[in-house]
């Protein structure tokens, strides 16, 4: 289960890259949709670092 949770945090990076690609491809056609995709990309990258930080904190919790 722990390996699965470590793998799932990288899914956020994959979605961040996909949303960034979507934003770049829609930039010249529809700026509002591109801004929404950029927002989702930023949220996905933030969630990756957030989950990584709390996974490390949870892992190191018992090492006091």
PDB file of N, CA and C in Angstrom:
ATOM      1  N   UNK A   1       0.826  -1.194   0.000  1.00  0.00           N
ATOM      2  CA  UNK A   1       0.000   0.000   0.000  1.00  0.00           C
ATOM      3  C   UNK A   1       0.867   1.253   0.000  1.00  0.00           C
ATOM      4  N   UNK A   2       1.995   1.187   0.720  1.00  0.00           N
ATOM      5  CA  UNK A   2       2.875   2.343   0.793  1.00  0.00           C
ATOM      6  C   UNK A   2       3.481   2.650  -0.574  1.00  0.00           C
ATOM      7  N   UNK A   3       3.863   1.624  -1.317  1.00  0.00           N
ATOM      8  CA  UNK A   3       4.423   1.822  -2.658  1.00  0.00           C
ATOM      9  C   UNK A   3       3.386   2.435  -3.593  1.00  0.00           C
ATOM     10  N   UNK A   4       2.137   2.032  -3.434  1.00  0.00           N
ATOM     11  CA  UNK A   4       1.073   2.585  -4.255  1.00  0.00           C
ATOM     12  C   UNK A   4       0.894   4.078  -3.979  1.00  0.00           C
ATOM     13  N   UNK A   5       0.937   4.458  -2.721  1.00  0.00           N
ATOM     14  CA  UNK A   5       0.803   5.872  -2.381  1.00  0.00           C
ATOM     15  C   UNK A   5       1.977   6.694  -2.893  1.00  0.00           C
ATOM     16  N   UNK A   6       3.178   6.116  -2.881  1.00  0.00           N
ATOM     17  CA  UNK A   6       4.328   6.823  -3.436  1.00  0.00           C
ATOM     18  C   UNK A   6       4.204   6.962  -4.942  1.00  0.00           C
ATOM     19  N   UNK A   7       3.644   5.982  -5.594  1.00  0.00           N
ATOM     20  CA  UNK A   7       3.439   6.055  -7.032  1.00  0.00           C
ATOM     21  C   UNK A   7       2.368   7.074  -7.396  1.00  0.00           C
ATOM     22  N   UNK A   8       1.320   7.148  -6.602  1.00  0.00           N
ATOM     23  CA  UNK A   8       0.207   8.042  -6.912  1.00  0.00           C
ATOM     24  C   UNK A   8       0.590   9.516  -6.846  1.00  0.00           C
ATOM     25  N   UNK A   9       1.587   9.855  -6.060  1.00  0.00           N
ATOM     26  CA  UNK A   9       1.976  11.253  -6.010  1.00  0.00           C
ATOM     27  C   UNK A   9       2.598  11.706  -7.330  1.00  0.00           C
ATOM     28  N   UNK A  10       3.184  10.789  -8.078  1.00  0.00           N
ATOM     29  CA  UNK A  10       3.740  11.141  -9.380  1.00  0.00           C
ATOM     30  C   UNK A  10       2.668  11.302 -10.451  1.00  0.00           C
ATOM     31  N   UNK A  11       1.491  10.759 -10.195  1.00  0.00           N
ATOM     32  CA  UNK A  11       0.367  10.964 -11.106  1.00  0.00           C
ATOM     33  C   UNK A  11       0.019  12.452 -11.170  1.00  0.00           C
ATOM     34  N   UNK A  12       0.180  13.168 -10.055  1.00  0.00           N
ATOM     35  CA  UNK A  12      -0.074  14.606 -10.058  1.00  0.00           C
ATOM     36  C   UNK A  12       0.861  15.322 -11.027  1.00  0.00           C
ATOM     37  N   UNK A  13       2.115  14.903 -11.093  1.00  0.00           N
ATOM     38  CA  UNK A  13       3.041  15.515 -12.052  1.00  0.00           C
ATOM     39  C   UNK A  13       2.625  15.223 -13.489  1.00  0.00           C
ATOM     40  N   UNK A  14       2.165  14.024 -13.737  1.00  0.00           N
ATOM     41  CA  UNK A  14       1.713  13.666 -15.083  1.00  0.00           C
ATOM     42  C   UNK A  14       0.541  14.546 -15.482  1.00  0.00           C
ATOM     43  N   UNK A  15      -0.424  14.714 -14.580  1.00  0.00           N
ATOM     44  CA  UNK A  15      -1.561  15.573 -14.887  1.00  0.00           C
ATOM     45  C   UNK A  15      -1.136  17.028 -15.033  1.00  0.00           C
ATOM     46  N   UNK A  16      -0.151  17.458 -14.267  1.00  0.00           N
ATOM     47  CA  UNK A  16       0.356  18.820 -14.404  1.00  0.00           C
ATOM     48  C   UNK A  16       0.943  19.060 -15.777  1.00  0.00           C
ATOM     49  N   UNK A  17       1.692  18.094 -16.278  1.00  0.00           N
ATOM     50  CA  UNK A  17       2.280  18.221 -17.616  1.00  0.00           C
ATOM     51  C   UNK A  17       1.184  18.187 -18.684  1.00  0.00           C
ATOM     52  N   UNK A  18       0.200  17.318 -18.509  1.00  0.00           N
ATOM     53  CA  UNK A  18      -0.895  17.251 -19.482  1.00  0.00           C
ATOM     54  C   UNK A  18      -1.692  18.551 -19.518  1.00  0.00           C
ATOM     55  N   UNK A  19      -1.979  19.125 -18.366  1.00  0.00           N
ATOM     56  CA  UNK A  19      -2.696  20.393 -18.341  1.00  0.00           C
ATOM     57  C   UNK A  19      -1.854  21.528 -18.919  1.00  0.00           C
ATOM     58  N   UNK A  20      -0.551  21.487 -18.698  1.00  0.00           N
ATOM     59  CA  UNK A  20       0.328  22.500 -19.277  1.00  0.00           C
ATOM     60  C   UNK A  20       0.347  22.379 -20.801  1.00  0.00           C
ATOM     61  N   UNK A  21       0.416  21.177 -21.310  1.00  0.00           N
ATOM     62  CA  UNK A  21       0.353  20.967 -22.759  1.00  0.00           C
ATOM     63  C   UNK A  21      -0.975  21.465 -23.316  1.00  0.00           C
ATOM     64  N   UNK A  22      -2.051  21.181 -22.603  1.00  0.00           N
ATOM     65  CA  UNK A  22      -3.370  21.629 -23.025  1.00  0.00           C
ATOM     66  C   UNK A  22      -3.431  23.156 -23.054  1.00  0.00           C
ATOM     67  N   UNK A  23      -2.844  23.806 -22.080  1.00  0.00           N
ATOM     68  CA  UNK A  23      -2.855  25.266 -22.030  1.00  0.00           C
ATOM     69  C   UNK A  23      -2.054  25.862 -23.177  1.00  0.00           C
ATOM     70  N   UNK A  24      -0.906  25.278 -23.476  1.00  0.00           N
ATOM     71  CA  UNK A  24      -0.080  25.790 -24.572  1.00  0.00           C
ATOM     72  C   UNK A  24      -0.778  25.598 -25.914  1.00  0.00           C
ATOM     73  N   UNK A  25      -1.436  24.482 -26.083  1.00  0.00           N
ATOM     74  CA  UNK A  25      -2.104  24.224 -27.357  1.00  0.00           C
ATOM     75  C   UNK A  25      -3.339  25.103 -27.545  1.00  0.00           C
ATOM     76  N   UNK A  26      -4.004  25.499 -26.470  1.00  0.00           N
ATOM     77  CA  UNK A  26      -5.199  26.336 -26.574  1.00  0.00           C
ATOM     78  C   UNK A  26      -4.906  27.825 -26.437  1.00  0.00           C
ATOM     79  N   UNK A  27      -3.655  28.199 -26.252  1.00  0.00           N
ATOM     80  CA  UNK A  27      -3.316  29.591 -25.963  1.00  0.00           C
ATOM     81  C   UNK A  27      -3.773  30.537 -27.077  1.00  0.00           C
ATOM     82  N   UNK A  28      -3.563  30.181 -28.320  1.00  0.00           N
ATOM     83  CA  UNK A  28      -3.917  31.090 -29.416  1.00  0.00           C
ATOM     84  C   UNK A  28      -5.407  31.041 -29.756  1.00  0.00           C
ATOM     85  N   UNK A  29      -6.088  29.976 -29.404  1.00  0.00           N
ATOM     86  CA  UNK A  29      -7.503  29.834 -29.745  1.00  0.00           C
ATOM     87  C   UNK A  29      -8.418  30.424 -28.679  1.00  0.00           C
ATOM     88  N   UNK A  30      -8.250  29.993 -27.449  1.00  0.00           N
ATOM     89  CA  UNK A  30      -9.163  30.390 -26.379  1.00  0.00           C
ATOM     90  C   UNK A  30      -8.347  30.634 -25.108  1.00  0.00           C
ATOM     91  N   UNK A  31      -8.106  31.899 -24.810  1.00  0.00           N
ATOM     92  CA  UNK A  31      -7.256  32.236 -23.656  1.00  0.00           C
ATOM     93  C   UNK A  31      -7.901  31.853 -22.329  1.00  0.00           C
ATOM     94  N   UNK A  32      -9.218  31.966 -22.210  1.00  0.00           N
ATOM     95  CA  UNK A  32      -9.871  31.619 -20.947  1.00  0.00           C
ATOM     96  C   UNK A  32      -9.691  30.145 -20.604  1.00  0.00           C
ATOM     97  N   UNK A  33      -9.827  29.285 -21.584  1.00  0.00           N
ATOM     98  CA  UNK A  33      -9.610  27.849 -21.352  1.00  0.00           C
ATOM     99  C   UNK A  33      -8.140  27.580 -21.043  1.00  0.00           C
ATOM    100  N   UNK A  34      -7.246  28.336 -21.663  1.00  0.00           N
ATOM    101  CA  UNK A  34      -5.821  28.159 -21.393  1.00  0.00           C
ATOM    102  C   UNK A  34      -5.499  28.560 -19.956  1.00  0.00           C
ATOM    103  N   UNK A  35      -6.105  29.642 -19.484  1.00  0.00           N
ATOM    104  CA  UNK A  35      -5.874  30.057 -18.098  1.00  0.00           C
ATOM    105  C   UNK A  35      -6.391  29.027 -17.104  1.00  0.00           C
ATOM    106  N   UNK A  36      -7.516  28.424 -17.412  1.00  0.00           N
ATOM    107  CA  UNK A  36      -8.059  27.383 -16.532  1.00  0.00           C
ATOM    108  C   UNK A  36      -7.115  26.175 -16.499  1.00  0.00           C
ATOM    109  N   UNK A  37      -6.595  25.798 -17.666  1.00  0.00           N
ATOM    110  CA  UNK A  37      -5.652  24.677 -17.716  1.00  0.00           C
ATOM    111  C   UNK A  37      -4.362  25.013 -16.978  1.00  0.00           C
ATOM    112  N   UNK A  38      -3.896  26.249 -17.079  1.00  0.00           N
ATOM    113  CA  UNK A  38      -2.713  26.658 -16.325  1.00  0.00           C
ATOM    114  C   UNK A  38      -2.972  26.595 -14.820  1.00  0.00           C
ATOM    115  N   UNK A  39      -4.160  26.985 -14.414  1.00  0.00           N
ATOM    116  CA  UNK A  39      -4.520  26.899 -13.001  1.00  0.00           C
ATOM    117  C   UNK A  39      -4.517  25.463 -12.500  1.00  0.00           C
ATOM    118  N   UNK A  40      -5.103  24.569 -13.291  1.00  0.00           N
ATOM    119  CA  UNK A  40      -5.104  23.158 -12.912  1.00  0.00           C
ATOM    120  C   UNK A  40      -3.693  22.585 -12.894  1.00  0.00           C
ATOM    121  N   UNK A  41      -2.857  23.039 -13.809  1.00  0.00           N
ATOM    122  CA  UNK A  41      -1.473  22.584 -13.832  1.00  0.00           C
ATOM    123  C   UNK A  41      -0.740  23.017 -12.565  1.00  0.00           C
ATOM    124  N   UNK A  42      -0.940  24.254 -12.153  1.00  0.00           N
ATOM    125  CA  UNK A  42      -0.304  24.743 -10.921  1.00  0.00           C
ATOM    126  C   UNK A  42      -0.806  23.987  -9.700  1.00  0.00           C
ATOM    127  N   UNK A  43      -2.095  23.713  -9.657  1.00  0.00           N
ATOM    128  CA  UNK A  43      -2.665  22.961  -8.536  1.00  0.00           C
ATOM    129  C   UNK A  43      -2.097  21.545  -8.495  1.00  0.00           C
ATOM    130  N   UNK A  44      -1.946  20.917  -9.653  1.00  0.00           N
ATOM    131  CA  UNK A  44      -1.417  19.554  -9.701  1.00  0.00           C
ATOM    132  C   UNK A  44       0.034  19.509  -9.219  1.00  0.00           C
ATOM    133  N   UNK A  45       0.839  20.481  -9.625  1.00  0.00           N
ATOM    134  CA  UNK A  45       2.237  20.511  -9.170  1.00  0.00           C
ATOM    135  C   UNK A  45       2.295  20.795  -7.674  1.00  0.00           C
ATOM    136  N   UNK A  46       1.443  21.704  -7.201  1.00  0.00           N
ATOM    137  CA  UNK A  46       1.376  21.980  -5.765  1.00  0.00           C
ATOM    138  C   UNK A  46       0.991  20.724  -4.987  1.00  0.00           C
ATOM    139  N   UNK A  47       0.012  19.994  -5.494  1.00  0.00           N
ATOM    140  CA  UNK A  47      -0.422  18.772  -4.810  1.00  0.00           C
ATOM    141  C   UNK A  47       0.680  17.722  -4.783  1.00  0.00           C
ATOM    142  N   UNK A  48       1.522  17.652  -5.822  1.00  0.00           N
ATOM    143  CA  UNK A  48       2.643  16.722  -5.812  1.00  0.00           C
ATOM    144  C   UNK A  48       3.575  17.038  -4.653  1.00  0.00           C
ATOM    145  N   UNK A  49       3.986  18.309  -4.530  1.00  0.00           N
ATOM    146  CA  UNK A  49       4.916  18.663  -3.460  1.00  0.00           C
ATOM    147  C   UNK A  49       4.258  18.562  -2.080  1.00  0.00           C
ATOM    148  N   UNK A  50       2.984  18.862  -2.005  1.00  0.00           N
ATOM    149  CA  UNK A  50       2.249  18.746  -0.746  1.00  0.00           C
ATOM    150  C   UNK A  50       2.182  17.293  -0.297  1.00  0.00           C
ATOM    151  N   UNK A  51       1.811  16.397  -1.208  1.00  0.00           N
ATOM    152  CA  UNK A  51       1.734  14.972  -0.856  1.00  0.00           C
ATOM    153  C   UNK A  51       3.102  14.404  -0.526  1.00  0.00           C
ATOM    154  N   UNK A  52       4.126  14.857  -1.259  1.00  0.00           N
ATOM    155  CA  UNK A  52       5.484  14.380  -0.999  1.00  0.00           C
ATOM    156  C   UNK A  52       5.954  14.801   0.385  1.00  0.00           C
ATOM    157  N   UNK A  53       5.646  16.030   0.771  1.00  0.00           N
ATOM    158  CA  UNK A  53       6.045  16.524   2.083  1.00  0.00           C
ATOM    159  C   UNK A  53       5.356  15.730   3.190  1.00  0.00           C
ATOM    160  N   UNK A  54       4.056  15.503   3.050  1.00  0.00           N
ATOM    161  CA  UNK A  54       3.337  14.792   4.099  1.00  0.00           C
ATOM    162  C   UNK A  54       3.627  13.297   4.096  1.00  0.00           C
ATOM    163  N   UNK A  55       3.986  12.734   2.959  1.00  0.00           N
ATOM    164  CA  UNK A  55       4.412  11.332   2.951  1.00  0.00           C
ATOM    165  C   UNK A  55       5.714  11.173   3.711  1.00  0.00           C
ATOM    166  N   UNK A  56       6.632  12.114   3.489  1.00  0.00           N
ATOM    167  CA  UNK A  56       7.902  12.067   4.215  1.00  0.00           C
ATOM    168  C   UNK A  56       7.687  12.296   5.701  1.00  0.00           C
ATOM    169  N   UNK A  57       6.814  13.222   6.044  1.00  0.00           N
ATOM    170  CA  UNK A  57       6.526  13.486   7.452  1.00  0.00           C
ATOM    171  C   UNK A  57       5.900  12.273   8.117  1.00  0.00           C
ATOM    172  N   UNK A  58       4.983  11.600   7.410  1.00  0.00           N
ATOM    173  CA  UNK A  58       4.342  10.420   7.955  1.00  0.00           C
ATOM    174  C   UNK A  58       5.352   9.290   8.125  1.00  0.00           C
ATOM    175  N   UNK A  59       6.275   9.139   7.172  1.00  0.00           N
ATOM    176  CA  UNK A  59       7.292   8.094   7.238  1.00  0.00           C
ATOM    177  C   UNK A  59       8.253   8.345   8.384  1.00  0.00           C
ATOM    178  N   UNK A  60       8.626   9.597   8.605  1.00  0.00           N
ATOM    179  CA  UNK A  60       9.604   9.941   9.656  1.00  0.00           C
ATOM    180  C   UNK A  60       8.958  10.111  11.026  1.00  0.00           C
ATOM    181  N   UNK A  61       7.672   9.952  11.115  1.00  0.00           N
ATOM    182  CA  UNK A  61       6.965  10.160  12.369  1.00  0.00           C
ATOM    183  C   UNK A  61       7.416   9.195  13.447  1.00  0.00           C
ATOM    184  N   UNK A  62       7.676   7.988  13.125  1.00  0.00           N
ATOM    185  CA  UNK A  62       8.049   6.982  14.122  1.00  0.00           C
ATOM    186  C   UNK A  62       9.545   6.929  14.405  1.00  0.00           C
ATOM    187  N   UNK A  63      10.345   7.781  13.797  1.00  0.00           N
ATOM    188  CA  UNK A  63      11.806   7.720  13.949  1.00  0.00           C
ATOM    189  C   UNK A  63      12.329   8.672  15.014  1.00  0.00           C
ATOM    190  N   UNK A  64      11.499   9.125  15.905  1.00  0.00           N
ATOM    191  CA  UNK A  64      11.955  10.044  16.947  1.00  0.00           C
ATOM    192  C   UNK A  64      12.804   9.347  17.918  1.00  0.00           C
TER     193      UNK A  64
END
